[in-house]
Amino acid sequence: MGAGFMCKSLKTVCFSLGMVLLSPGVFPQGSEPMSAQTIPDTLRRPEQGEAPRYPQDIVIGELGRGNASEGAYRFAVNILQALRAGNRNAPVLANSPSALIESLFEQIGSLRPRSYRLGSGRIETDGNISFMVRFLGPEASITGELFIRQAEESGIWLLDDLILEERRPLSEIRDSYHYDFSPYERFY
């Protein structure tokens, strides 16, 4: 037998031994399944005194319901869905001023939005609720603030206003954003 055969046999043995040693379950870390040990508990929950962190949009901030009621949040989501889809006949827009709706469809439609983001709701001093919003198209985005109010007599939610800023190219936004590692600093 030549040196080439021995070398090939040695490689095969090393590969087989490596596969056995690296296979899941060969050296268990306790009685729990291996997947439960993947992320330690200290990484899965906030430390004492540390607030939970929610997803954030790089332009409008924290996403989610915020201080708004569930009904107000659902209403805001339905408005943004109708605007993104270009659905002028959506029931959620039925009680809104037609001039406002036409203006919004014109501005947002030119963007060809693929998605939207809804920031945390904030209760204003007059009792209305506002949300930061962002519509994302293939090349640009539009940011604005959505204002809704609840009708006193019927209790239904109404679109009060949606103030939109100028379109911004996505590349401009990406170039100006610097990642914040603060949620991870306790691990360094």
N, C-alpha and C. Protein backbone atom coordinates (compact mmCIF):
# COMPACT_ATOMS: atom_id res chain seq x y z
N MET A 1 0.85 -1.17 0.00
CA MET A 1 0.00 0.00 0.00
C MET A 1 0.89 1.22 0.00
N GLY A 2 0.46 2.20 -0.81
CA GLY A 2 1.27 3.39 -0.96
C GLY A 2 0.88 4.48 0.02
N ALA A 3 1.67 5.54 0.00
CA ALA A 3 1.44 6.68 0.89
C ALA A 3 0.13 7.39 0.54
N GLY A 4 -0.25 7.38 -0.74
CA GLY A 4 -1.49 8.02 -1.17
C GLY A 4 -2.71 7.35 -0.56
N PHE A 5 -2.70 6.01 -0.50
CA PHE A 5 -3.82 5.28 0.10
C PHE A 5 -3.93 5.57 1.59
N MET A 6 -2.79 5.61 2.28
CA MET A 6 -2.77 5.89 3.73
C MET A 6 -3.30 7.29 4.01
N CYS A 7 -2.90 8.24 3.19
CA CYS A 7 -3.33 9.64 3.37
C CYS A 7 -4.84 9.74 3.17
N LYS A 8 -5.34 9.06 2.14
CA LYS A 8 -6.78 9.08 1.85
C LYS A 8 -7.56 8.42 2.97
N SER A 9 -7.06 7.31 3.53
CA SER A 9 -7.71 6.62 4.63
C SER A 9 -7.72 7.47 5.88
N LEU A 10 -6.62 8.17 6.13
CA LEU A 10 -6.52 9.04 7.30
C LEU A 10 -7.52 10.19 7.19
N LYS A 11 -7.68 10.77 6.00
CA LYS A 11 -8.66 11.83 5.78
C LYS A 11 -10.07 11.32 6.03
N THR A 12 -10.39 10.13 5.56
CA THR A 12 -11.70 9.55 5.73
C THR A 12 -12.00 9.31 7.21
N VAL A 13 -11.01 8.80 7.95
CA VAL A 13 -11.19 8.55 9.38
C VAL A 13 -11.39 9.86 10.13
N CYS A 14 -10.59 10.88 9.80
CA CYS A 14 -10.71 12.19 10.46
C CYS A 14 -12.07 12.82 10.18
N PHE A 15 -12.52 12.74 8.93
CA PHE A 15 -13.82 13.29 8.56
C PHE A 15 -14.94 12.59 9.32
N SER A 16 -14.88 11.26 9.38
CA SER A 16 -15.92 10.48 10.07
C SER A 16 -15.93 10.79 11.56
N LEU A 17 -14.74 10.88 12.16
CA LEU A 17 -14.64 11.20 13.58
C LEU A 17 -15.18 12.60 13.86
N GLY A 18 -14.88 13.54 12.99
CA GLY A 18 -15.39 14.91 13.13
C GLY A 18 -16.90 14.96 13.05
N MET A 19 -17.48 14.20 12.14
CA MET A 19 -18.94 14.18 12.00
C MET A 19 -19.60 13.61 13.25
N VAL A 20 -19.01 12.59 13.83
CA VAL A 20 -19.57 11.99 15.03
C VAL A 20 -19.47 12.95 16.20
N LEU A 21 -18.33 13.59 16.36
CA LEU A 21 -18.12 14.50 17.49
C LEU A 21 -18.96 15.76 17.39
N LEU A 22 -19.21 16.23 16.18
CA LEU A 22 -19.96 17.46 15.98
C LEU A 22 -21.46 17.26 15.82
N SER A 23 -21.90 16.02 15.81
CA SER A 23 -23.32 15.73 15.67
C SER A 23 -24.08 16.17 16.91
N PRO A 24 -25.28 16.77 16.73
CA PRO A 24 -26.08 17.17 17.90
C PRO A 24 -26.46 15.97 18.75
N GLY A 25 -26.42 16.15 20.06
CA GLY A 25 -26.85 15.11 20.97
C GLY A 25 -25.76 14.14 21.39
N VAL A 26 -24.56 14.21 20.78
CA VAL A 26 -23.50 13.29 21.15
C VAL A 26 -23.00 13.61 22.55
N PHE A 27 -22.80 14.91 22.83
CA PHE A 27 -22.38 15.35 24.15
C PHE A 27 -23.43 16.31 24.68
N PRO A 28 -24.53 15.81 25.23
CA PRO A 28 -25.60 16.68 25.70
C PRO A 28 -25.13 17.57 26.86
N GLN A 29 -25.74 18.76 26.95
CA GLN A 29 -25.38 19.73 27.97
C GLN A 29 -26.32 19.66 29.17
N GLY A 30 -27.03 18.63 29.34
CA GLY A 30 -27.99 18.49 30.43
C GLY A 30 -29.18 17.72 29.94
N SER A 31 -30.25 17.74 30.73
CA SER A 31 -31.42 16.96 30.37
C SER A 31 -32.34 17.69 29.41
N GLU A 32 -32.17 19.03 29.23
CA GLU A 32 -33.04 19.78 28.31
C GLU A 32 -32.61 19.55 26.87
N PRO A 33 -33.55 19.71 25.93
CA PRO A 33 -33.18 19.58 24.52
C PRO A 33 -32.14 20.63 24.14
N MET A 34 -31.35 20.32 23.14
CA MET A 34 -30.26 21.19 22.73
C MET A 34 -30.75 22.57 22.30
N SER A 35 -31.92 22.67 21.65
CA SER A 35 -32.41 23.95 21.16
C SER A 35 -32.73 24.91 22.30
N ALA A 36 -33.13 24.41 23.45
CA ALA A 36 -33.44 25.27 24.59
C ALA A 36 -32.18 25.92 25.15
N GLN A 37 -31.02 25.31 24.91
CA GLN A 37 -29.76 25.83 25.41
C GLN A 37 -29.09 26.77 24.43
N THR A 38 -29.66 26.97 23.26
CA THR A 38 -29.04 27.80 22.23
C THR A 38 -28.86 29.24 22.69
N ILE A 39 -29.90 29.83 23.27
CA ILE A 39 -29.85 31.21 23.75
C ILE A 39 -30.02 31.20 25.26
N PRO A 40 -28.99 31.63 26.00
CA PRO A 40 -29.12 31.63 27.46
C PRO A 40 -30.23 32.56 27.93
N ASP A 41 -30.80 32.26 29.09
CA ASP A 41 -31.88 33.08 29.65
C ASP A 41 -31.47 34.53 29.82
N THR A 42 -30.21 34.78 30.16
CA THR A 42 -29.76 36.17 30.38
C THR A 42 -29.83 37.00 29.12
N LEU A 43 -29.82 36.36 27.97
CA LEU A 43 -29.93 37.10 26.71
C LEU A 43 -31.38 37.25 26.27
N ARG A 44 -32.25 36.35 26.74
CA ARG A 44 -33.64 36.37 26.29
C ARG A 44 -34.52 37.36 27.03
N ARG A 45 -34.18 37.77 28.21
CA ARG A 45 -35.03 38.70 28.95
C ARG A 45 -34.20 39.87 29.46
N PRO A 46 -34.85 41.03 29.66
CA PRO A 46 -34.11 42.21 30.13
C PRO A 46 -33.57 42.01 31.54
N GLU A 47 -32.47 42.66 31.83
CA GLU A 47 -31.91 42.66 33.17
C GLU A 47 -32.80 43.47 34.09
N GLN A 48 -32.57 43.39 35.41
CA GLN A 48 -33.35 44.15 36.38
C GLN A 48 -33.18 45.65 36.10
N GLY A 49 -34.30 46.36 35.99
CA GLY A 49 -34.26 47.80 35.73
C GLY A 49 -34.11 48.15 34.26
N GLU A 50 -33.92 47.18 33.40
CA GLU A 50 -33.76 47.43 31.97
C GLU A 50 -35.12 47.29 31.28
N ALA A 51 -35.49 48.30 30.49
CA ALA A 51 -36.77 48.26 29.78
C ALA A 51 -36.66 47.34 28.57
N PRO A 52 -37.75 46.64 28.24
CA PRO A 52 -37.73 45.82 27.02
C PRO A 52 -37.56 46.71 25.80
N ARG A 53 -36.90 46.21 24.78
CA ARG A 53 -36.66 46.99 23.57
C ARG A 53 -37.55 46.45 22.45
N TYR A 54 -38.15 47.37 21.71
CA TYR A 54 -39.02 47.01 20.61
C TYR A 54 -38.37 47.41 19.29
N PRO A 55 -38.82 46.84 18.19
CA PRO A 55 -38.23 47.19 16.91
C PRO A 55 -38.36 48.68 16.63
N GLN A 56 -37.38 49.24 15.92
CA GLN A 56 -37.40 50.65 15.58
C GLN A 56 -37.15 50.81 14.09
N ASP A 57 -37.77 51.84 13.54
CA ASP A 57 -37.50 52.26 12.18
C ASP A 57 -36.40 53.32 12.28
N ILE A 58 -35.47 53.32 11.36
CA ILE A 58 -34.34 54.25 11.46
C ILE A 58 -34.75 55.71 11.29
N VAL A 59 -35.94 55.97 10.79
CA VAL A 59 -36.39 57.34 10.58
C VAL A 59 -37.45 57.75 11.59
N ILE A 60 -38.47 56.92 11.80
CA ILE A 60 -39.59 57.33 12.65
C ILE A 60 -39.52 56.82 14.07
N GLY A 61 -38.56 55.99 14.39
CA GLY A 61 -38.40 55.52 15.77
C GLY A 61 -39.12 54.23 16.06
N GLU A 62 -39.52 54.07 17.33
CA GLU A 62 -40.11 52.83 17.82
C GLU A 62 -41.43 52.52 17.13
N LEU A 63 -41.58 51.28 16.73
CA LEU A 63 -42.80 50.83 16.07
C LEU A 63 -43.74 50.21 17.10
N GLY A 64 -45.00 50.10 16.75
CA GLY A 64 -45.95 49.45 17.63
C GLY A 64 -47.03 50.39 18.12
N ARG A 65 -47.86 49.90 18.98
CA ARG A 65 -49.05 50.61 19.44
C ARG A 65 -48.73 51.83 20.29
N GLY A 66 -47.69 51.77 21.09
CA GLY A 66 -47.35 52.89 21.96
C GLY A 66 -48.44 53.17 22.98
N ASN A 67 -48.79 54.44 23.19
CA ASN A 67 -49.81 54.83 24.17
C ASN A 67 -51.23 54.81 23.60
N ALA A 68 -51.36 54.51 22.34
CA ALA A 68 -52.68 54.50 21.70
C ALA A 68 -53.48 53.27 22.12
N SER A 69 -54.79 53.40 22.06
CA SER A 69 -55.65 52.25 22.35
C SER A 69 -55.57 51.25 21.19
N GLU A 70 -56.00 50.04 21.45
CA GLU A 70 -55.98 49.02 20.40
C GLU A 70 -56.86 49.43 19.22
N GLY A 71 -58.02 50.04 19.50
CA GLY A 71 -58.92 50.49 18.42
C GLY A 71 -58.29 51.57 17.56
N ALA A 72 -57.61 52.52 18.19
CA ALA A 72 -56.94 53.59 17.45
C ALA A 72 -55.81 53.01 16.59
N TYR A 73 -55.06 52.09 17.15
CA TYR A 73 -53.96 51.48 16.42
C TYR A 73 -54.48 50.70 15.20
N ARG A 74 -55.52 49.90 15.40
CA ARG A 74 -56.12 49.13 14.28
C ARG A 74 -56.63 50.07 13.19
N PHE A 75 -57.26 51.19 13.59
CA PHE A 75 -57.76 52.17 12.63
C PHE A 75 -56.60 52.75 11.82
N ALA A 76 -55.50 53.10 12.49
CA ALA A 76 -54.33 53.65 11.80
C ALA A 76 -53.74 52.63 10.82
N VAL A 77 -53.66 51.38 11.24
CA VAL A 77 -53.16 50.32 10.35
C VAL A 77 -54.05 50.21 9.11
N ASN A 78 -55.36 50.24 9.29
CA ASN A 78 -56.29 50.12 8.16
C ASN A 78 -56.16 51.30 7.20
N ILE A 79 -55.94 52.50 7.73
CA ILE A 79 -55.73 53.67 6.87
C ILE A 79 -54.49 53.48 6.02
N LEU A 80 -53.39 53.08 6.65
CA LEU A 80 -52.14 52.92 5.91
C LEU A 80 -52.23 51.80 4.88
N GLN A 81 -52.94 50.74 5.21
CA GLN A 81 -53.12 49.66 4.24
C GLN A 81 -53.89 50.14 3.02
N ALA A 82 -54.94 50.92 3.24
CA ALA A 82 -55.74 51.44 2.13
C ALA A 82 -54.91 52.40 1.27
N LEU A 83 -54.12 53.26 1.91
CA LEU A 83 -53.30 54.20 1.16
C LEU A 83 -52.21 53.49 0.37
N ARG A 84 -51.57 52.50 0.98
CA ARG A 84 -50.52 51.76 0.28
C ARG A 84 -51.09 51.00 -0.91
N ALA A 85 -52.28 50.42 -0.74
CA ALA A 85 -52.89 49.64 -1.81
C ALA A 85 -53.53 50.52 -2.88
N GLY A 86 -53.69 51.81 -2.60
CA GLY A 86 -54.35 52.70 -3.55
C GLY A 86 -55.85 52.48 -3.61
N ASN A 87 -56.43 52.01 -2.52
CA ASN A 87 -57.86 51.69 -2.46
C ASN A 87 -58.67 52.91 -2.02
N ARG A 88 -59.11 53.70 -2.99
CA ARG A 88 -59.89 54.91 -2.69
C ARG A 88 -61.27 54.60 -2.10
N ASN A 89 -61.77 53.40 -2.31
CA ASN A 89 -63.10 53.02 -1.84
C ASN A 89 -63.07 52.25 -0.52
N ALA A 90 -61.95 52.25 0.16
CA ALA A 90 -61.85 51.52 1.43
C ALA A 90 -62.81 52.13 2.45
N PRO A 91 -63.55 51.30 3.18
CA PRO A 91 -64.50 51.81 4.17
C PRO A 91 -63.85 52.70 5.24
N VAL A 92 -62.59 52.45 5.54
CA VAL A 92 -61.89 53.22 6.56
C VAL A 92 -61.72 54.69 6.15
N LEU A 93 -61.80 54.98 4.85
CA LEU A 93 -61.63 56.34 4.35
C LEU A 93 -62.96 57.04 4.05
N ALA A 94 -64.07 56.34 4.27
CA ALA A 94 -65.39 56.85 3.89
C ALA A 94 -65.76 58.17 4.56
N ASN A 95 -65.37 58.38 5.80
CA ASN A 95 -65.75 59.59 6.53
C ASN A 95 -64.65 60.66 6.51
N SER A 96 -63.67 60.50 5.64
CA SER A 96 -62.56 61.45 5.58
C SER A 96 -62.80 62.51 4.51
N PRO A 97 -62.24 63.70 4.69
CA PRO A 97 -62.40 64.76 3.68
C PRO A 97 -61.83 64.32 2.33
N SER A 98 -62.61 64.45 1.27
CA SER A 98 -62.21 63.95 -0.05
C SER A 98 -60.98 64.68 -0.59
N ALA A 99 -60.85 65.98 -0.31
CA ALA A 99 -59.68 66.71 -0.79
C ALA A 99 -58.40 66.16 -0.15
N LEU A 100 -58.47 65.84 1.11
CA LEU A 100 -57.32 65.26 1.81
C LEU A 100 -56.97 63.90 1.22
N ILE A 101 -57.98 63.07 1.01
CA ILE A 101 -57.75 61.72 0.49
C ILE A 101 -57.13 61.76 -0.90
N GLU A 102 -57.65 62.62 -1.78
CA GLU A 102 -57.09 62.74 -3.14
C GLU A 102 -55.64 63.20 -3.11
N SER A 103 -55.34 64.16 -2.25
CA SER A 103 -53.97 64.65 -2.12
C SER A 103 -53.04 63.55 -1.62
N LEU A 104 -53.49 62.76 -0.65
CA LEU A 104 -52.67 61.68 -0.12
C LEU A 104 -52.42 60.60 -1.16
N PHE A 105 -53.45 60.23 -1.91
CA PHE A 105 -53.28 59.21 -2.94
C PHE A 105 -52.31 59.69 -4.02
N GLU A 106 -52.35 60.96 -4.34
CA GLU A 106 -51.44 61.52 -5.34
C GLU A 106 -49.99 61.45 -4.84
N GLN A 107 -49.75 61.90 -3.61
CA GLN A 107 -48.38 61.91 -3.08
C GLN A 107 -47.84 60.50 -2.85
N ILE A 108 -48.65 59.65 -2.25
CA ILE A 108 -48.19 58.30 -1.90
C ILE A 108 -48.14 57.41 -3.15
N GLY A 109 -49.10 57.57 -4.04
CA GLY A 109 -49.13 56.77 -5.26
C GLY A 109 -47.92 56.98 -6.15
N SER A 110 -47.39 58.20 -6.19
CA SER A 110 -46.22 58.47 -7.01
C SER A 110 -44.98 57.74 -6.49
N LEU A 111 -45.01 57.36 -5.24
CA LEU A 111 -43.90 56.64 -4.62
C LEU A 111 -43.92 55.15 -5.01
N ARG A 112 -45.07 54.63 -5.38
CA ARG A 112 -45.28 53.20 -5.63
C ARG A 112 -44.88 52.39 -4.39
N PRO A 113 -45.55 52.64 -3.25
CA PRO A 113 -45.12 52.02 -2.00
C PRO A 113 -45.26 50.50 -1.99
N ARG A 114 -44.24 49.86 -1.48
CA ARG A 114 -44.26 48.41 -1.30
C ARG A 114 -44.71 48.05 0.11
N SER A 115 -44.40 48.94 1.06
CA SER A 115 -44.75 48.67 2.45
C SER A 115 -44.87 49.99 3.20
N TYR A 116 -45.26 49.87 4.45
CA TYR A 116 -45.36 51.05 5.31
C TYR A 116 -44.88 50.66 6.69
N ARG A 117 -44.57 51.67 7.49
CA ARG A 117 -44.21 51.47 8.89
C ARG A 117 -45.06 52.41 9.73
N LEU A 118 -45.53 51.93 10.85
CA LEU A 118 -46.37 52.71 11.75
C LEU A 118 -45.67 52.83 13.09
N GLY A 119 -45.29 54.07 13.44
CA GLY A 119 -44.62 54.32 14.71
C GLY A 119 -45.58 54.30 15.87
N SER A 120 -45.03 54.37 17.06
CA SER A 120 -45.83 54.33 18.28
C SER A 120 -46.81 55.47 18.37
N GLY A 121 -48.01 55.16 18.83
CA GLY A 121 -49.06 56.17 19.01
C GLY A 121 -48.78 57.06 20.20
N ARG A 122 -49.16 58.32 20.05
CA ARG A 122 -48.98 59.30 21.12
C ARG A 122 -50.28 60.06 21.30
N ILE A 123 -50.72 60.20 22.54
CA ILE A 123 -51.94 60.94 22.82
C ILE A 123 -51.59 62.42 22.92
N GLU A 124 -52.23 63.23 22.08
CA GLU A 124 -51.98 64.67 22.04
C GLU A 124 -52.76 65.37 23.15
N THR A 125 -52.45 66.64 23.40
CA THR A 125 -53.11 67.40 24.48
C THR A 125 -54.61 67.55 24.24
N ASP A 126 -55.05 67.58 22.98
CA ASP A 126 -56.48 67.72 22.69
C ASP A 126 -57.23 66.38 22.68
N GLY A 127 -56.53 65.29 23.02
CA GLY A 127 -57.16 63.98 23.06
C GLY A 127 -57.03 63.19 21.77
N ASN A 128 -56.62 63.85 20.69
CA ASN A 128 -56.38 63.13 19.44
C ASN A 128 -55.14 62.25 19.59
N ILE A 129 -54.96 61.35 18.65
CA ILE A 129 -53.81 60.45 18.69
C ILE A 129 -53.02 60.63 17.41
N SER A 130 -51.70 60.68 17.56
CA SER A 130 -50.84 60.82 16.38
C SER A 130 -49.87 59.64 16.30
N PHE A 131 -49.52 59.31 15.07
CA PHE A 131 -48.57 58.23 14.78
C PHE A 131 -47.58 58.75 13.75
N MET A 132 -46.30 58.46 13.95
CA MET A 132 -45.32 58.71 12.90
C MET A 132 -45.46 57.56 11.90
N VAL A 133 -45.41 57.88 10.61
CA VAL A 133 -45.57 56.85 9.58
C VAL A 133 -44.49 57.01 8.51
N ARG A 134 -44.26 55.93 7.80
CA ARG A 134 -43.33 55.98 6.67
C ARG A 134 -43.79 54.99 5.62
N PHE A 135 -43.88 55.46 4.39
CA PHE A 135 -44.19 54.62 3.24
C PHE A 135 -42.88 54.38 2.50
N LEU A 136 -42.61 53.11 2.16
CA LEU A 136 -41.36 52.74 1.49
C LEU A 136 -41.64 52.24 0.09
N GLY A 137 -41.04 52.91 -0.88
CA GLY A 137 -41.12 52.49 -2.26
C GLY A 137 -39.83 51.82 -2.67
N PRO A 138 -39.68 51.46 -3.94
CA PRO A 138 -38.46 50.77 -4.38
C PRO A 138 -37.21 51.66 -4.31
N GLU A 139 -37.39 52.98 -4.45
CA GLU A 139 -36.22 53.86 -4.49
C GLU A 139 -36.28 55.01 -3.50
N ALA A 140 -37.44 55.26 -2.91
CA ALA A 140 -37.59 56.41 -2.02
C ALA A 140 -38.61 56.11 -0.93
N SER A 141 -38.68 57.01 0.04
CA SER A 141 -39.67 56.88 1.10
C SER A 141 -40.27 58.24 1.42
N ILE A 142 -41.45 58.22 2.01
CA ILE A 142 -42.12 59.44 2.46
C ILE A 142 -42.45 59.24 3.93
N THR A 143 -42.09 60.21 4.74
CA THR A 143 -42.35 60.18 6.17
C THR A 143 -43.42 61.20 6.50
N GLY A 144 -44.23 60.92 7.50
CA GLY A 144 -45.25 61.87 7.90
C GLY A 144 -45.80 61.58 9.28
N GLU A 145 -46.81 62.36 9.64
CA GLU A 145 -47.47 62.16 10.93
C GLU A 145 -48.97 62.08 10.68
N LEU A 146 -49.56 61.00 11.17
CA LEU A 146 -50.97 60.70 11.02
C LEU A 146 -51.70 61.14 12.28
N PHE A 147 -52.79 61.90 12.11
CA PHE A 147 -53.60 62.34 13.24
C PHE A 147 -55.00 61.76 13.10
N ILE A 148 -55.47 61.10 14.15
CA ILE A 148 -56.82 60.55 14.15
C ILE A 148 -57.52 61.04 15.42
N ARG A 149 -58.85 61.03 15.34
CA ARG A 149 -59.64 61.43 16.51
C ARG A 149 -60.88 60.55 16.57
N GLN A 150 -61.46 60.50 17.75
CA GLN A 150 -62.67 59.71 17.95
C GLN A 150 -63.86 60.66 17.99
N ALA A 151 -64.87 60.39 17.16
CA ALA A 151 -66.08 61.22 17.14
C ALA A 151 -66.81 61.07 18.47
N GLU A 152 -67.18 62.20 19.05
CA GLU A 152 -67.83 62.19 20.37
C GLU A 152 -69.18 61.49 20.35
N GLU A 153 -69.99 61.79 19.34
CA GLU A 153 -71.35 61.26 19.31
C GLU A 153 -71.41 59.77 18.94
N SER A 154 -70.60 59.33 17.99
CA SER A 154 -70.68 57.94 17.54
C SER A 154 -69.57 57.05 18.09
N GLY A 155 -68.46 57.65 18.51
CA GLY A 155 -67.35 56.87 19.04
C GLY A 155 -66.48 56.22 17.97
N ILE A 156 -66.78 56.48 16.68
CA ILE A 156 -65.95 55.90 15.62
C ILE A 156 -64.69 56.74 15.43
N TRP A 157 -63.66 56.10 14.92
CA TRP A 157 -62.41 56.81 14.66
C TRP A 157 -62.48 57.50 13.31
N LEU A 158 -61.88 58.70 13.23
CA LEU A 158 -61.87 59.48 12.01
C LEU A 158 -60.45 59.93 11.69
N LEU A 159 -60.14 59.97 10.42
CA LEU A 159 -58.86 60.52 9.96
C LEU A 159 -58.95 62.03 10.05
N ASP A 160 -58.10 62.64 10.84
CA ASP A 160 -58.09 64.09 10.99
C ASP A 160 -57.14 64.71 9.98
N ASP A 161 -55.91 64.14 9.86
CA ASP A 161 -54.94 64.68 8.92
C ASP A 161 -53.78 63.70 8.79
N LEU A 162 -53.08 63.80 7.70
CA LEU A 162 -51.82 63.08 7.49
C LEU A 162 -50.89 64.05 6.81
N ILE A 163 -49.92 64.53 7.55
CA ILE A 163 -48.97 65.52 7.04
C ILE A 163 -47.74 64.77 6.56
N LEU A 164 -47.43 64.89 5.28
CA LEU A 164 -46.30 64.18 4.68
C LEU A 164 -45.17 65.13 4.35
N GLU A 165 -43.94 64.67 4.54
CA GLU A 165 -42.76 65.43 4.16
C GLU A 165 -42.43 65.12 2.70
N GLU A 166 -41.36 65.71 2.21
CA GLU A 166 -40.91 65.45 0.85
C GLU A 166 -40.34 64.03 0.76
N ARG A 167 -40.39 63.48 -0.44
CA ARG A 167 -39.78 62.17 -0.71
C ARG A 167 -38.28 62.25 -0.46
N ARG A 168 -37.74 61.17 0.06
CA ARG A 168 -36.30 61.07 0.25
C ARG A 168 -35.81 59.77 -0.36
N PRO A 169 -34.73 59.83 -1.14
CA PRO A 169 -34.17 58.58 -1.69
C PRO A 169 -33.71 57.66 -0.55
N LEU A 170 -33.92 56.37 -0.69
CA LEU A 170 -33.52 55.42 0.34
C LEU A 170 -32.02 55.44 0.55
N SER A 171 -31.25 55.67 -0.51
CA SER A 171 -29.79 55.70 -0.36
C SER A 171 -29.36 56.85 0.55
N GLU A 172 -30.05 57.96 0.50
CA GLU A 172 -29.73 59.10 1.37
C GLU A 172 -29.98 58.75 2.83
N ILE A 173 -31.04 58.03 3.09
CA ILE A 173 -31.38 57.63 4.46
C ILE A 173 -30.36 56.63 4.98
N ARG A 174 -30.02 55.64 4.17
CA ARG A 174 -29.05 54.63 4.59
C ARG A 174 -27.68 55.23 4.88
N ASP A 175 -27.27 56.19 4.05
CA ASP A 175 -25.96 56.81 4.22
C ASP A 175 -25.87 57.66 5.48
N SER A 176 -27.01 58.19 5.95
CA SER A 176 -26.98 59.06 7.12
C SER A 176 -27.20 58.31 8.43
N TYR A 177 -27.48 57.01 8.37
CA TYR A 177 -27.80 56.24 9.58
C TYR A 177 -26.55 55.56 10.10
N HIS A 178 -26.31 55.68 11.40
CA HIS A 178 -25.21 55.00 12.07
C HIS A 178 -25.81 54.08 13.12
N TYR A 179 -25.43 52.82 13.08
CA TYR A 179 -26.04 51.83 13.94
C TYR A 179 -25.68 52.07 15.40
N ASP A 180 -26.64 51.91 16.27
CA ASP A 180 -26.47 52.09 17.71
C ASP A 180 -26.39 50.71 18.36
N PHE A 181 -25.25 50.39 18.96
CA PHE A 181 -25.07 49.09 19.58
C PHE A 181 -25.52 49.06 21.04
N SER A 182 -26.17 50.11 21.52
CA SER A 182 -26.50 50.20 22.94
C SER A 182 -27.26 49.00 23.50
N PRO A 183 -28.14 48.32 22.75
CA PRO A 183 -28.83 47.19 23.37
C PRO A 183 -27.88 46.05 23.73
N TYR A 184 -26.70 46.05 23.16
CA TYR A 184 -25.78 44.94 23.36
C TYR A 184 -24.61 45.29 24.28
N GLU A 185 -24.55 46.52 24.79
CA GLU A 185 -23.36 46.92 25.52
C GLU A 185 -23.14 46.12 26.80
N ARG A 186 -24.18 45.55 27.38
CA ARG A 186 -23.96 44.78 28.60
C ARG A 186 -23.18 43.49 28.33
N PHE A 187 -23.06 43.08 27.08
CA PHE A 187 -22.36 41.84 26.75
C PHE A 187 -20.88 42.06 26.45
N TYR A 188 -20.42 43.30 26.40
CA TYR A 188 -19.02 43.58 26.08
C TYR A 188 -18.16 43.61 27.31
